[in-house]
C-alpha atoms as a PDB file:
ATOM      1  CA  MET A   1     -17.306 -23.786 -18.045  1.00  0.00           C
ATOM      2  CA  SER A   2     -13.629 -23.833 -17.137  1.00  0.00           C
ATOM      3  CA  GLY A   3     -13.413 -20.297 -15.674  1.00  0.00           C
ATOM      4  CA  ARG A   4     -10.450 -18.413 -14.262  1.00  0.00           C
ATOM      5  CA  ASN A   5      -8.711 -19.054 -10.946  1.00  0.00           C
ATOM      6  CA  TYR A   6      -8.765 -16.426  -8.218  1.00  0.00           C
ATOM      7  CA  TYR A   7      -7.421 -16.343  -4.686  1.00  0.00           C
ATOM      8  CA  ILE A   8      -8.078 -14.138  -1.666  1.00  0.00           C
ATOM      9  CA  TYR A   9      -5.032 -13.182   0.383  1.00  0.00           C
ATOM     10  CA  ASN A  10      -4.687 -11.239   3.619  1.00  0.00           C
ATOM     11  CA  VAL A  11      -1.622  -9.072   3.007  1.00  0.00           C
ATOM     12  CA  PHE A  12       0.738  -7.348   5.440  1.00  0.00           C
ATOM     13  CA  SER A  13      -0.170  -9.813   8.172  1.00  0.00           C
ATOM     14  CA  ASP A  14       0.831 -13.345   9.127  1.00  0.00           C
ATOM     15  CA  ARG A  15      -2.646 -14.177  10.475  1.00  0.00           C
ATOM     16  CA  ALA A  16      -5.842 -14.922   8.575  1.00  0.00           C
ATOM     17  CA  LEU A  17      -8.677 -12.375   8.700  1.00  0.00           C
ATOM     18  CA  THR A  18      -6.317  -9.508   9.510  1.00  0.00           C
ATOM     19  CA  GLY A  19      -4.215  -7.309   7.231  1.00  0.00           C
ATOM     20  CA  ASN A  20      -5.481  -6.017   3.904  1.00  0.00           C
ATOM     21  CA  PRO A  21      -7.642  -8.416   1.833  1.00  0.00           C
ATOM     22  CA  LEU A  22      -6.674  -8.782  -1.817  1.00  0.00           C
ATOM     23  CA  ALA A  23      -8.223 -10.610  -4.756  1.00  0.00           C
ATOM     24  CA  VAL A  24      -5.662 -12.169  -7.112  1.00  0.00           C
ATOM     25  CA  VAL A  25      -6.927 -13.299 -10.532  1.00  0.00           C
ATOM     26  CA  THR A  26      -4.167 -15.560 -11.819  1.00  0.00           C
ATOM     27  CA  ASP A  27      -5.566 -16.354 -15.268  1.00  0.00           C
ATOM     28  CA  ALA A  28      -6.383 -12.887 -16.565  1.00  0.00           C
ATOM     29  CA  ALA A  29      -5.222 -13.189 -20.188  1.00  0.00           C
ATOM     30  CA  GLY A  30      -7.960 -12.081 -22.561  1.00  0.00           C
ATOM     31  CA  LEU A  31      -9.781  -9.790 -20.135  1.00  0.00           C
ATOM     32  CA  ASP A  32     -10.250  -6.230 -21.391  1.00  0.00           C
ATOM     33  CA  ASP A  33      -9.915  -3.123 -19.237  1.00  0.00           C
ATOM     34  CA  GLU A  34     -13.644  -2.666 -18.706  1.00  0.00           C
ATOM     35  CA  THR A  35     -14.115  -6.260 -17.598  1.00  0.00           C
ATOM     36  CA  MET A  36     -11.193  -6.079 -15.153  1.00  0.00           C
ATOM     37  CA  GLN A  37     -12.639  -2.898 -13.682  1.00  0.00           C
ATOM     38  CA  ARG A  38     -16.059  -4.509 -13.289  1.00  0.00           C
ATOM     39  CA  ILE A  39     -14.545  -7.598 -11.647  1.00  0.00           C
ATOM     40  CA  ALA A  40     -12.675  -5.363  -9.180  1.00  0.00           C
ATOM     41  CA  ALA A  41     -15.946  -3.601  -8.372  1.00  0.00           C
ATOM     42  CA  GLU A  42     -17.597  -6.999  -7.877  1.00  0.00           C
ATOM     43  CA  PHE A  43     -14.942  -8.109  -5.378  1.00  0.00           C
ATOM     44  CA  ASN A  44     -15.222  -4.630  -3.781  1.00  0.00           C
ATOM     45  CA  LEU A  45     -11.898  -4.932  -1.952  1.00  0.00           C
ATOM     46  CA  SER A  46      -9.430  -2.078  -1.748  1.00  0.00           C
ATOM     47  CA  GLU A  47      -7.604  -3.606  -4.739  1.00  0.00           C
ATOM     48  CA  THR A  48      -7.807  -6.544  -7.114  1.00  0.00           C
ATOM     49  CA  VAL A  49      -4.727  -7.618  -9.068  1.00  0.00           C
ATOM     50  CA  PHE A  50      -4.847  -9.374 -12.431  1.00  0.00           C
ATOM     51  CA  ILE A  51      -1.884 -11.514 -13.484  1.00  0.00           C
ATOM     52  CA  LEU A  52      -1.103 -11.587 -17.206  1.00  0.00           C
ATOM     53  CA  PRO A  53       1.809 -12.906 -19.292  1.00  0.00           C
ATOM     54  CA  PRO A  54       4.845 -10.585 -19.164  1.00  0.00           C
ATOM     55  CA  GLU A  55       5.779  -8.349 -22.082  1.00  0.00           C
ATOM     56  CA  ARG A  56       9.433  -9.413 -21.669  1.00  0.00           C
ATOM     57  CA  ASP A  57      10.295 -13.105 -21.633  1.00  0.00           C
ATOM     58  CA  SER A  58      12.841 -12.606 -18.844  1.00  0.00           C
ATOM     59  CA  HIS A  59      10.142 -11.261 -16.498  1.00  0.00           C
ATOM     60  CA  THR A  60       7.691 -13.273 -14.441  1.00  0.00           C
ATOM     61  CA  ALA A  61       4.326 -11.617 -15.062  1.00  0.00           C
ATOM     62  CA  TYR A  62       2.518  -8.381 -15.900  1.00  0.00           C
ATOM     63  CA  LEU A  63       0.239  -7.020 -13.173  1.00  0.00           C
ATOM     64  CA  ARG A  64      -2.835  -4.825 -13.616  1.00  0.00           C
ATOM     65  CA  ILE A  65      -4.077  -3.313 -10.358  1.00  0.00           C
ATOM     66  CA  PHE A  66      -7.613  -1.959  -9.901  1.00  0.00           C
ATOM     67  CA  THR A  67      -9.490  -0.361  -7.023  1.00  0.00           C
ATOM     68  CA  PRO A  68     -13.307  -0.677  -7.201  1.00  0.00           C
ATOM     69  CA  ARG A  69     -13.303   2.563  -9.242  1.00  0.00           C
ATOM     70  CA  PHE A  70     -10.068   2.942 -11.242  1.00  0.00           C
ATOM     71  CA  GLU A  71      -6.713   1.440 -12.172  1.00  0.00           C
ATOM     72  CA  LEU A  72      -3.490   2.203 -10.290  1.00  0.00           C
ATOM     73  CA  PRO A  73       0.009   2.342 -11.799  1.00  0.00           C
ATOM     74  CA  PHE A  74       1.474   0.746  -8.666  1.00  0.00           C
ATOM     75  CA  ALA A  75       0.370  -0.442  -5.236  1.00  0.00           C
ATOM     76  CA  GLY A  76       2.102  -2.245  -2.399  1.00  0.00           C
ATOM     77  CA  HIS A  77      -0.257  -4.886  -1.132  1.00  0.00           C
ATOM     78  CA  PRO A  78      -1.181  -6.145  -4.640  1.00  0.00           C
ATOM     79  CA  THR A  79       2.544  -6.421  -5.425  1.00  0.00           C
ATOM     80  CA  VAL A  80       3.224  -8.428  -2.257  1.00  0.00           C
ATOM     81  CA  GLY A  81       0.100 -10.576  -2.660  1.00  0.00           C
ATOM     82  CA  ALA A  82       0.677 -11.290  -6.353  1.00  0.00           C
ATOM     83  CA  ALA A  83       4.329 -12.182  -5.721  1.00  0.00           C
ATOM     84  CA  VAL A  84       3.322 -14.630  -2.998  1.00  0.00           C
ATOM     85  CA  ALA A  85       0.565 -16.126  -5.174  1.00  0.00           C
ATOM     86  CA  LEU A  86       2.978 -16.616  -8.091  1.00  0.00           C
ATOM     87  CA  ALA A  87       5.652 -18.156  -5.880  1.00  0.00           C
ATOM     88  CA  GLU A  88       3.170 -20.523  -4.256  1.00  0.00           C
ATOM     89  CA  ARG A  89       1.708 -21.487  -7.621  1.00  0.00           C
ATOM     90  CA  GLY A  90       5.261 -22.112  -8.851  1.00  0.00           C
ATOM     91  CA  GLY A  91       5.906 -24.634  -6.118  1.00  0.00           C
ATOM     92  CA  GLU A  92       7.684 -22.438  -3.566  1.00  0.00           C
ATOM     93  CA  GLN A  93       5.286 -23.347  -0.768  1.00  0.00           C
ATOM     94  CA  GLY A  94       6.996 -24.840   2.250  1.00  0.00           C
ATOM     95  CA  THR A  95      10.474 -23.343   2.348  1.00  0.00           C
ATOM     96  CA  GLY A  96      12.675 -21.587  -0.170  1.00  0.00           C
ATOM     97  CA  THR A  97      13.272 -18.247  -1.873  1.00  0.00           C
ATOM     98  CA  ALA A  98      12.092 -17.015  -5.255  1.00  0.00           C
ATOM     99  CA  ILE A  99      13.135 -13.862  -7.126  1.00  0.00           C
ATOM    100  CA  LEU A 100      10.450 -12.437  -9.408  1.00  0.00           C
ATOM    101  CA  MET A 101      10.397  -9.554 -11.868  1.00  0.00           C
ATOM    102  CA  LEU A 102       6.886  -8.134 -12.047  1.00  0.00           C
ATOM    103  CA  GLU A 103       5.828  -5.621 -14.686  1.00  0.00           C
ATOM    104  CA  GLU A 104       3.467  -2.870 -13.530  1.00  0.00           C
ATOM    105  CA  ARG A 105       2.370   0.326 -15.223  1.00  0.00           C
ATOM    106  CA  ILE A 106       5.020   2.193 -13.223  1.00  0.00           C
ATOM    107  CA  GLY A 107       7.750  -0.147 -14.539  1.00  0.00           C
ATOM    108  CA  ALA A 108       9.473  -3.399 -13.591  1.00  0.00           C
ATOM    109  CA  VAL A 109       9.433  -4.296  -9.883  1.00  0.00           C
ATOM    110  CA  ARG A 110      11.906  -6.781  -8.408  1.00  0.00           C
ATOM    111  CA  CYS A 111      10.436  -8.989  -5.670  1.00  0.00           C
ATOM    112  CA  VAL A 112      11.969 -11.553  -3.340  1.00  0.00           C
ATOM    113  CA  VAL A 113       9.597 -14.125  -1.848  1.00  0.00           C
ATOM    114  CA  SER A 114      10.651 -16.141   1.206  1.00  0.00           C
ATOM    115  CA  ALA A 115       8.416 -19.118   1.863  1.00  0.00           C
ATOM    116  CA  SER A 116       8.127 -20.801   5.245  1.00  0.00           C
ATOM    117  CA  THR A 117       5.866 -23.231   7.011  1.00  0.00           C
ATOM    118  CA  GLY A 118       3.693 -20.306   8.117  1.00  0.00           C
ATOM    119  CA  ALA A 119       2.811 -17.135   6.233  1.00  0.00           C
ATOM    120  CA  THR A 120       4.920 -16.318   3.189  1.00  0.00           C
ATOM    121  CA  TYR A 121       6.955 -13.093   3.186  1.00  0.00           C
ATOM    122  CA  ALA A 122       7.580 -10.927   0.110  1.00  0.00           C
ATOM    123  CA  GLU A 123       9.691  -7.817  -0.295  1.00  0.00           C
ATOM    124  CA  PHE A 124       9.974  -5.565  -3.331  1.00  0.00           C
ATOM    125  CA  ASP A 125      12.285  -2.761  -4.417  1.00  0.00           C
ATOM    126  CA  LEU A 126      10.540   0.566  -4.832  1.00  0.00           C
ATOM    127  CA  PRO A 127      10.385   1.216  -8.578  1.00  0.00           C
ATOM    128  CA  ARG A 128      10.399   4.957  -7.877  1.00  0.00           C
ATOM    129  CA  LEU A 129      11.828   6.768  -4.856  1.00  0.00           C
ATOM    130  CA  SER A 130       9.632   9.208  -2.975  1.00  0.00           C
ATOM    131  CA  GLN A 131       9.586  12.800  -4.144  1.00  0.00           C
ATOM    132  CA  PRO A 132       7.801  15.857  -2.706  1.00  0.00           C
ATOM    133  CA  VAL A 133       4.632  17.033  -4.444  1.00  0.00           C
ATOM    134  CA  PRO A 134       2.878  20.404  -4.041  1.00  0.00           C
ATOM    135  CA  PHE A 135       0.251  20.841  -1.341  1.00  0.00           C
ATOM    136  CA  ALA A 136      -1.143  24.213  -0.299  1.00  0.00           C
ATOM    137  CA  GLY A 137      -3.869  23.203   2.154  1.00  0.00           C
ATOM    138  CA  GLU A 138      -4.143  25.317   5.299  1.00  0.00           C
ATOM    139  CA  LEU A 139      -3.574  23.646   8.675  1.00  0.00           C
ATOM    140  CA  GLU A 140      -7.013  24.663   9.970  1.00  0.00           C
ATOM    141  CA  ALA A 141      -8.763  23.302   6.854  1.00  0.00           C
ATOM    142  CA  VAL A 142      -6.916  19.971   7.054  1.00  0.00           C
ATOM    143  CA  ALA A 143      -7.824  19.651  10.732  1.00  0.00           C
ATOM    144  CA  ALA A 144     -11.474  20.387   9.975  1.00  0.00           C
ATOM    145  CA  ALA A 145     -11.538  17.762   7.217  1.00  0.00           C
ATOM    146  CA  LEU A 146     -10.224  15.172   9.690  1.00  0.00           C
ATOM    147  CA  GLY A 147     -12.455  16.279  12.554  1.00  0.00           C
ATOM    148  CA  VAL A 148      -9.564  17.080  14.909  1.00  0.00           C
ATOM    149  CA  GLY A 149      -8.191  20.275  16.416  1.00  0.00           C
ATOM    150  CA  TYR A 150      -5.615  22.211  14.449  1.00  0.00           C
ATOM    151  CA  HIS A 151      -3.405  22.161  17.553  1.00  0.00           C
ATOM    152  CA  GLU A 152      -3.448  18.332  17.412  1.00  0.00           C
ATOM    153  CA  ILE A 153      -1.680  18.210  14.048  1.00  0.00           C
ATOM    154  CA  GLY A 154       2.104  17.936  14.066  1.00  0.00           C
ATOM    155  CA  PHE A 155       4.668  16.528  16.473  1.00  0.00           C
ATOM    156  CA  GLU A 156       8.347  17.278  17.027  1.00  0.00           C
ATOM    157  CA  ASN A 157       9.442  18.872  13.732  1.00  0.00           C
ATOM    158  CA  HIS A 158       6.915  16.918  11.612  1.00  0.00           C
ATOM    159  CA  THR A 159       4.416  19.063   9.710  1.00  0.00           C
ATOM    160  CA  ILE A 160       1.958  18.367   6.880  1.00  0.00           C
ATOM    161  CA  SER A 161       3.744  17.378   3.673  1.00  0.00           C
ATOM    162  CA  ALA A 162       2.900  15.635   0.398  1.00  0.00           C
ATOM    163  CA  TRP A 163       4.932  12.917  -1.309  1.00  0.00           C
ATOM    164  CA  SER A 164       4.694  10.403  -4.124  1.00  0.00           C
ATOM    165  CA  ALA A 165       6.573   7.218  -5.034  1.00  0.00           C
ATOM    166  CA  GLY A 166       4.185   6.566  -7.904  1.00  0.00           C
ATOM    167  CA  VAL A 167       0.919   7.387  -6.097  1.00  0.00           C
ATOM    168  CA  PRO A 168       0.645  10.732  -4.236  1.00  0.00           C
ATOM    169  CA  TYR A 169      -0.405  11.130  -0.588  1.00  0.00           C
ATOM    170  CA  VAL A 170      -0.712  14.003   1.866  1.00  0.00           C
ATOM    171  CA  CYS A 171       1.164  12.898   4.998  1.00  0.00           C
ATOM    172  CA  ILE A 172      -0.442  14.363   8.108  1.00  0.00           C
ATOM    173  CA  PRO A 173       1.347  13.961  11.459  1.00  0.00           C
ATOM    174  CA  VAL A 174      -0.854  13.987  14.557  1.00  0.00           C
ATOM    175  CA  ALA A 175       0.074  14.247  18.208  1.00  0.00           C
ATOM    176  CA  ASN A 176      -0.679  10.725  19.411  1.00  0.00           C
ATOM    177  CA  LEU A 177      -2.802   7.569  19.128  1.00  0.00           C
ATOM    178  CA  ASP A 178      -5.842   9.283  20.620  1.00  0.00           C
ATOM    179  CA  VAL A 179      -5.921  11.896  17.854  1.00  0.00           C
ATOM    180  CA  ALA A 180      -5.284   9.281  15.166  1.00  0.00           C
ATOM    181  CA  GLY A 181      -8.130   7.169  16.517  1.00  0.00           C
ATOM    182  CA  ARG A 182     -10.568  10.098  16.545  1.00  0.00           C
ATOM    183  CA  ALA A 183      -9.858  11.139  12.956  1.00  0.00           C
ATOM    184  CA  ARG A 184     -12.930  10.935  10.717  1.00  0.00           C
ATOM    185  CA  LEU A 185     -12.561  12.151   7.156  1.00  0.00           C
ATOM    186  CA  ASP A 186     -15.130  14.580   5.741  1.00  0.00           C
ATOM    187  CA  ALA A 187     -14.668  13.539   2.113  1.00  0.00           C
ATOM    188  CA  ALA A 188     -16.424  16.558   0.602  1.00  0.00           C
ATOM    189  CA  LEU A 189     -14.371  19.000   2.671  1.00  0.00           C
ATOM    190  CA  TRP A 190     -11.160  17.136   1.847  1.00  0.00           C
ATOM    191  CA  ARG A 191     -11.914  17.242  -1.884  1.00  0.00           C
ATOM    192  CA  SER A 192     -12.340  21.003  -1.651  1.00  0.00           C
ATOM    193  CA  LEU A 193      -8.711  21.317  -0.497  1.00  0.00           C
ATOM    194  CA  LEU A 194      -7.085  19.585  -3.444  1.00  0.00           C
ATOM    195  CA  PRO A 195      -7.432  19.611  -7.229  1.00  0.00           C
ATOM    196  CA  GLN A 196      -8.622  16.338  -8.693  1.00  0.00           C
ATOM    197  CA  GLU A 197      -6.715  14.370 -11.318  1.00  0.00           C
ATOM    198  CA  ASP A 198      -8.893  12.089 -13.459  1.00  0.00           C
ATOM    199  CA  GLY A 199     -11.647  12.516 -10.886  1.00  0.00           C
ATOM    200  CA  VAL A 200      -9.452  11.295  -8.009  1.00  0.00           C
ATOM    201  CA  THR A 201      -8.276  13.334  -5.023  1.00  0.00           C
ATOM    202  CA  THR A 202      -4.934  12.676  -3.325  1.00  0.00           C
ATOM    203  CA  ALA A 203      -5.632  10.651  -0.184  1.00  0.00           C
ATOM    204  CA  PRO A 204      -4.662  11.675   3.353  1.00  0.00           C
ATOM    205  CA  TYR A 205      -2.196   9.485   5.258  1.00  0.00           C
ATOM    206  CA  VAL A 206      -2.456  10.176   8.987  1.00  0.00           C
ATOM    207  CA  TYR A 207       0.443   9.079  11.194  1.00  0.00           C
ATOM    208  CA  CYS A 208       1.911   9.460  14.662  1.00  0.00           C
ATOM    209  CA  ARG A 209       5.020   8.341  16.532  1.00  0.00           C
ATOM    210  CA  GLU A 210       3.064   6.677  19.342  1.00  0.00           C
ATOM    211  CA  THR A 211       2.240   3.054  18.507  1.00  0.00           C
ATOM    212  CA  VAL A 212       0.172   0.157  19.832  1.00  0.00           C
ATOM    213  CA  ASN A 213       2.927  -2.362  19.048  1.00  0.00           C
ATOM    214  CA  HIS A 214       6.138  -1.258  20.684  1.00  0.00           C
ATOM    215  CA  ASP A 215       8.347  -2.808  18.006  1.00  0.00           C
ATOM    216  CA  HIS A 216       6.817  -0.468  15.413  1.00  0.00           C
ATOM    217  CA  ALA A 217       8.047   3.053  14.680  1.00  0.00           C
ATOM    218  CA  PHE A 218       4.842   4.662  13.357  1.00  0.00           C
ATOM    219  CA  HIS A 219       1.079   4.217  13.563  1.00  0.00           C
ATOM    220  CA  ALA A 220      -0.854   5.117  10.402  1.00  0.00           C
ATOM    221  CA  ARG A 221      -4.307   5.398   8.861  1.00  0.00           C
ATOM    222  CA  MET A 222      -5.192   6.019   5.198  1.00  0.00           C
ATOM    223  CA  PHE A 223      -8.609   7.288   4.103  1.00  0.00           C
ATOM    224  CA  ALA A 224      -9.578   6.715   0.466  1.00  0.00           C
ATOM    225  CA  PRO A 225     -13.254   7.422  -0.341  1.00  0.00           C
ATOM    226  CA  ASP A 226     -12.398   8.162  -3.985  1.00  0.00           C
ATOM    227  CA  ASN A 227     -11.030   4.616  -4.267  1.00  0.00           C
ATOM    228  CA  GLY A 228     -14.435   3.218  -3.357  1.00  0.00           C
ATOM    229  CA  ILE A 229     -13.413   2.442   0.248  1.00  0.00           C
ATOM    230  CA  SER A 230     -13.644   4.594   3.348  1.00  0.00           C
ATOM    231  CA  GLU A 231     -10.332   3.440   4.847  1.00  0.00           C
ATOM    232  CA  ASP A 232      -7.515   1.078   3.878  1.00  0.00           C
ATOM    233  CA  PRO A 233      -6.111  -1.453   6.397  1.00  0.00           C
ATOM    234  CA  ALA A 234      -2.576  -1.403   4.926  1.00  0.00           C
ATOM    235  CA  THR A 235      -1.185   0.777   2.147  1.00  0.00           C
ATOM    236  CA  GLY A 236       2.204  -0.068   0.703  1.00  0.00           C
ATOM    237  CA  SER A 237       2.198   2.786  -1.816  1.00  0.00           C
ATOM    238  CA  ALA A 238       1.507   5.224   1.034  1.00  0.00           C
ATOM    239  CA  ALA A 239       4.383   3.766   3.062  1.00  0.00           C
ATOM    240  CA  ALA A 240       6.567   4.217  -0.036  1.00  0.00           C
ATOM    241  CA  ALA A 241       5.548   7.880  -0.287  1.00  0.00           C
ATOM    242  CA  PHE A 242       5.919   8.304   3.482  1.00  0.00           C
ATOM    243  CA  SER A 243       9.590   7.327   3.228  1.00  0.00           C
ATOM    244  CA  GLY A 244      10.213  10.809   1.863  1.00  0.00           C
ATOM    245  CA  ALA A 245       8.651  12.402   4.939  1.00  0.00           C
ATOM    246  CA  ILE A 246      10.685  10.160   7.242  1.00  0.00           C
ATOM    247  CA  MET A 247      13.906  11.141   5.504  1.00  0.00           C
ATOM    248  CA  HIS A 248      12.978  14.823   5.379  1.00  0.00           C
ATOM    249  CA  PHE A 249      11.937  15.243   9.007  1.00  0.00           C
ATOM    250  CA  ASP A 250      13.997  12.593  10.837  1.00  0.00           C
ATOM    251  CA  GLN A 251      17.195  13.224   8.853  1.00  0.00           C
ATOM    252  CA  LEU A 252      18.340   9.607   8.900  1.00  0.00           C
ATOM    253  CA  VAL A 253      22.092   9.041   9.000  1.00  0.00           C
ATOM    254  CA  ASP A 254      23.875   7.089   6.291  1.00  0.00           C
ATOM    255  CA  GLY A 255      23.345   3.352   6.475  1.00  0.00           C
ATOM    256  CA  ALA A 256      20.503   0.821   6.445  1.00  0.00           C
ATOM    257  CA  HIS A 257      17.295   1.550   8.348  1.00  0.00           C
ATOM    258  CA  GLY A 258      14.318  -0.711   9.041  1.00  0.00           C
ATOM    259  CA  VAL A 259      11.030   1.026   9.864  1.00  0.00           C
ATOM    260  CA  MET A 260       7.936  -0.909  10.955  1.00  0.00           C
ATOM    261  CA  ILE A 261       4.571   0.782  10.315  1.00  0.00           C
ATOM    262  CA  GLU A 262       1.326  -0.444  11.886  1.00  0.00           C
ATOM    263  CA  GLN A 263      -2.000   0.261  10.202  1.00  0.00           C
ATOM    264  CA  GLY A 264      -5.584  -1.012  10.191  1.00  0.00           C
ATOM    265  CA  ILE A 265      -5.889  -1.269  13.974  1.00  0.00           C
ATOM    266  CA  GLU A 266      -8.903   1.041  14.184  1.00  0.00           C
ATOM    267  CA  MET A 267     -10.607  -1.134  11.547  1.00  0.00           C
ATOM    268  CA  GLY A 268     -10.009  -4.361  13.451  1.00  0.00           C
ATOM    269  CA  ARG A 269      -7.571  -5.501  10.737  1.00  0.00           C
ATOM    270  CA  PRO A 270      -4.093  -4.977  12.228  1.00  0.00           C
ATOM    271  CA  SER A 271      -1.339  -4.864   9.630  1.00  0.00           C
ATOM    272  CA  SER A 272       2.449  -4.520   9.646  1.00  0.00           C
ATOM    273  CA  ILE A 273       4.460  -2.999   6.811  1.00  0.00           C
ATOM    274  CA  ARG A 274       8.247  -3.163   6.843  1.00  0.00           C
ATOM    275  CA  LEU A 275       9.966  -0.250   5.124  1.00  0.00           C
ATOM    276  CA  GLU A 276      13.713  -0.569   4.537  1.00  0.00           C
ATOM    277  CA  LEU A 277      15.751   2.479   3.580  1.00  0.00           C
ATOM    278  CA  ASP A 278      19.345   2.638   2.356  1.00  0.00           C
ATOM    279  CA  VAL A 279      20.681   6.136   3.014  1.00  0.00           C
ATOM    280  CA  ARG A 280      23.843   7.477   1.412  1.00  0.00           C
ATOM    281  CA  HIS A 281      25.198  11.024   1.432  1.00  0.00           C
ATOM    282  CA  GLY A 282      22.108  12.209   3.297  1.00  0.00           C
ATOM    283  CA  ALA A 283      19.572  10.894   0.763  1.00  0.00           C
ATOM    284  CA  ILE A 284      17.620   7.700   0.159  1.00  0.00           C
ATOM    285  CA  GLU A 285      19.575   5.604  -2.329  1.00  0.00           C
ATOM    286  CA  ALA A 286      17.202   2.612  -2.384  1.00  0.00           C
ATOM    287  CA  ALA A 287      14.097   1.462  -0.539  1.00  0.00           C
ATOM    288  CA  ARG A 288      12.119  -1.727  -0.115  1.00  0.00           C
ATOM    289  CA  ILE A 289       8.715  -2.670   1.275  1.00  0.00           C
ATOM    290  CA  GLY A 290       7.874  -6.066   2.674  1.00  0.00           C
ATOM    291  CA  GLY A 291       5.198  -8.003   4.497  1.00  0.00           C
ATOM    292  CA  HIS A 292       3.568 -11.369   4.953  1.00  0.00           C
ATOM    293  CA  ALA A 293       0.575 -12.710   3.037  1.00  0.00           C
ATOM    294  CA  VAL A 294      -1.832 -15.508   3.950  1.00  0.00           C
ATOM    295  CA  ARG A 295      -4.125 -17.221   1.458  1.00  0.00           C
ATOM    296  CA  ILE A 296      -7.610 -17.632   2.939  1.00  0.00           C
ATOM    297  CA  ALA A 297      -9.830 -18.558  -0.031  1.00  0.00           C
ATOM    298  CA  GLN A 298      -9.839 -19.584  -3.670  1.00  0.00           C
ATOM    299  CA  GLY A 299     -12.401 -20.018  -6.394  1.00  0.00           C
ATOM    300  CA  ARG A 300     -13.306 -19.689 -10.061  1.00  0.00           C
ATOM    301  CA  LEU A 301     -14.550 -16.750 -12.108  1.00  0.00           C
ATOM    302  CA  PHE A 302     -16.837 -17.871 -14.919  1.00  0.00           C
ATOM    303  CA  ILE A 303     -16.080 -14.858 -17.106  1.00  0.00           C
END
């Protein structure tokens, strides 16, 4: 049996056994949707990405991204991990830069991979800029769902808001690291606050200005029980959505801005996501997300 190659990467970290683990199936041609979903459930990581031939010859590959329970149109750490895997498979290990065009359900995503002697870094352009989405949850109900006091939600001018750059999130500011660390999601109560779409509830993204790493701007946590995981160590699609909240509340001036977001610390899997924002005329004109990825394992799927 020849099988199909797969690799396990730790994404949004430059150290093994930290960051967000990702399964990358590099030889996915011929797999149907049901089989890909079952393989993702078997790996039981926050996401598994399947690499297929591109629909356009000028593009590098077509990505299908699955949580243990459903497919996503776009996600950050599978995009970074798949880009690194493709660049390394294409001989970019060591040093050098590769530009890849990856097709996802959301559209084409341009990625730049910078290889080095250590962890490889990949950055991608957001295929869709963050936009506000409706959310009518009451402050007291949100606090109860997170197990914190209603007076502990919000800081400065930041209040609860909801945004999407392809995948929607409710962005919930909390006072400090202590509150963020005490948050425990009551999934049933949270589901009662929001309508479900295709059986999935928009996930909460908890953040604060206080950080563990002083070179980071925000500390974040993302709870996702409907994805088949209780919490995610690093969420690029949430950082993409969160860019809208940053712009809305912090009113960034025109120019280029780099924002470092730490996540996964409470899980023992510290992660760093770099969000770059180009602001023009008081609005985000373009945005990018980047991070390192480290390959820690490889194997064969006999399917």
